[in-house]
Amino acid sequence: MSVDRSLLFPRFHCSDCGCEVGFRSRRRTFTERFILPLFLLKPVRCGECFRRDYRFILMPVKNRLSEASGLHPVAKSPVTDSRNVA
């Protein structure tokens, strides 16, 4: 007996632009942090139009770009040269 994986793990599909690339979005509010997981939902952002939506927790999406590449905001060091940059 074969189980259809598309029923258990549906693919991301943006309802606005139709893009099939989604990224995990940061949980912002109390509701997103504590209530959505009770309903097995997570915030997801479209990779093309950046629309934010809630999807089933088992839906495979990519990690946020800053986490995947290891990029983190770095404090700027004071400029030591006297260049005039416009």
Protein backbone atom coordinates (compact mmCIF):
# COMPACT_ATOMS: atom_id res chain seq x y z
CA MET A 1 0.00 0.00 0.00
CA SER A 2 1.50 3.29 -1.11
CA VAL A 3 0.93 6.58 0.70
CA ASP A 4 0.63 9.70 -1.42
CA ARG A 5 3.24 12.14 -0.03
CA SER A 6 1.47 15.13 -1.58
CA LEU A 7 -1.39 14.65 0.88
CA LEU A 8 0.88 14.49 3.93
CA PHE A 9 3.40 17.12 2.80
CA PRO A 10 1.70 19.50 0.37
CA ARG A 11 4.00 21.77 -1.65
CA PHE A 12 4.00 25.52 -1.18
CA HIS A 13 1.98 27.44 -3.75
CA CYS A 14 1.39 31.20 -3.33
CA SER A 15 -2.27 32.07 -3.68
CA ASP A 16 -1.39 35.57 -4.91
CA CYS A 17 1.29 35.14 -7.59
CA GLY A 18 1.46 31.35 -8.02
CA CYS A 19 5.13 31.03 -7.04
CA GLU A 20 6.23 27.66 -5.65
CA VAL A 21 9.09 28.98 -3.47
CA GLY A 22 8.29 29.81 0.14
CA PHE A 23 10.46 30.85 3.06
CA ARG A 24 9.96 30.43 6.78
CA SER A 25 8.92 33.75 8.29
CA ARG A 26 9.71 35.05 11.75
CA ARG A 27 6.97 34.71 14.34
CA ARG A 28 6.03 38.22 15.45
CA THR A 29 3.07 38.36 17.82
CA PHE A 30 1.86 36.41 20.83
CA THR A 31 -0.73 34.75 18.60
CA GLU A 32 1.88 33.62 16.09
CA ARG A 33 4.19 32.32 18.81
CA PHE A 34 1.74 30.44 21.00
CA ILE A 35 -1.69 30.07 19.35
CA LEU A 36 -0.80 29.15 15.74
CA PRO A 37 1.25 26.07 16.74
CA LEU A 38 -1.83 24.72 18.52
CA PHE A 39 -3.57 24.74 15.13
CA LEU A 40 -0.45 23.29 13.43
CA LEU A 41 0.20 26.50 11.47
CA LYS A 42 3.35 28.54 10.83
CA PRO A 43 4.04 31.89 9.13
CA VAL A 44 5.45 31.58 5.61
CA ARG A 45 6.53 34.26 3.12
CA CYS A 46 6.40 33.93 -0.69
CA GLY A 47 9.80 34.13 -2.36
CA GLU A 48 8.49 36.11 -5.33
CA CYS A 49 5.87 38.62 -4.14
CA PHE A 50 6.77 38.52 -0.39
CA ARG A 51 3.15 37.93 0.63
CA ARG A 52 2.98 36.58 4.17
CA ASP A 53 0.56 33.76 4.99
CA TYR A 54 0.00 30.90 7.44
CA ARG A 55 0.53 27.34 6.26
CA PHE A 56 0.43 23.80 7.66
CA ILE A 57 3.42 23.11 9.90
CA LEU A 58 4.55 20.06 7.86
CA MET A 59 4.68 21.98 4.58
CA PRO A 60 8.32 22.02 3.41
CA VAL A 61 9.64 25.55 2.88
CA LYS A 62 13.15 26.97 2.78
CA ASN A 63 14.90 28.57 5.73
CA ARG A 64 15.09 32.34 5.89
CA LEU A 65 17.92 33.65 3.72
CA SER A 66 19.75 35.25 6.64
CA GLU A 67 19.80 31.93 8.51
CA ALA A 68 20.67 29.80 5.50
CA SER A 69 23.68 31.89 4.47
CA GLY A 70 24.83 32.74 7.98
CA LEU A 71 24.37 36.46 7.42
CA HIS A 72 23.76 38.43 10.57
CA PRO A 73 23.71 42.18 11.08
CA VAL A 74 27.15 43.40 12.08
CA ALA A 75 27.83 46.68 13.84
CA LYS A 76 29.58 49.04 11.48
CA SER A 77 33.10 49.92 12.42
CA PRO A 78 34.04 53.59 12.38
CA VAL A 79 35.43 54.73 9.07
CA THR A 80 39.18 55.31 9.35
CA ASP A 81 39.85 56.72 5.92
CA SER A 82 38.73 60.15 4.80
CA ARG A 83 36.97 59.17 1.59
CA ASN A 84 34.09 61.31 0.44
CA VAL A 85 31.50 58.78 -0.74
CA ALA A 86 28.29 60.16 -2.22
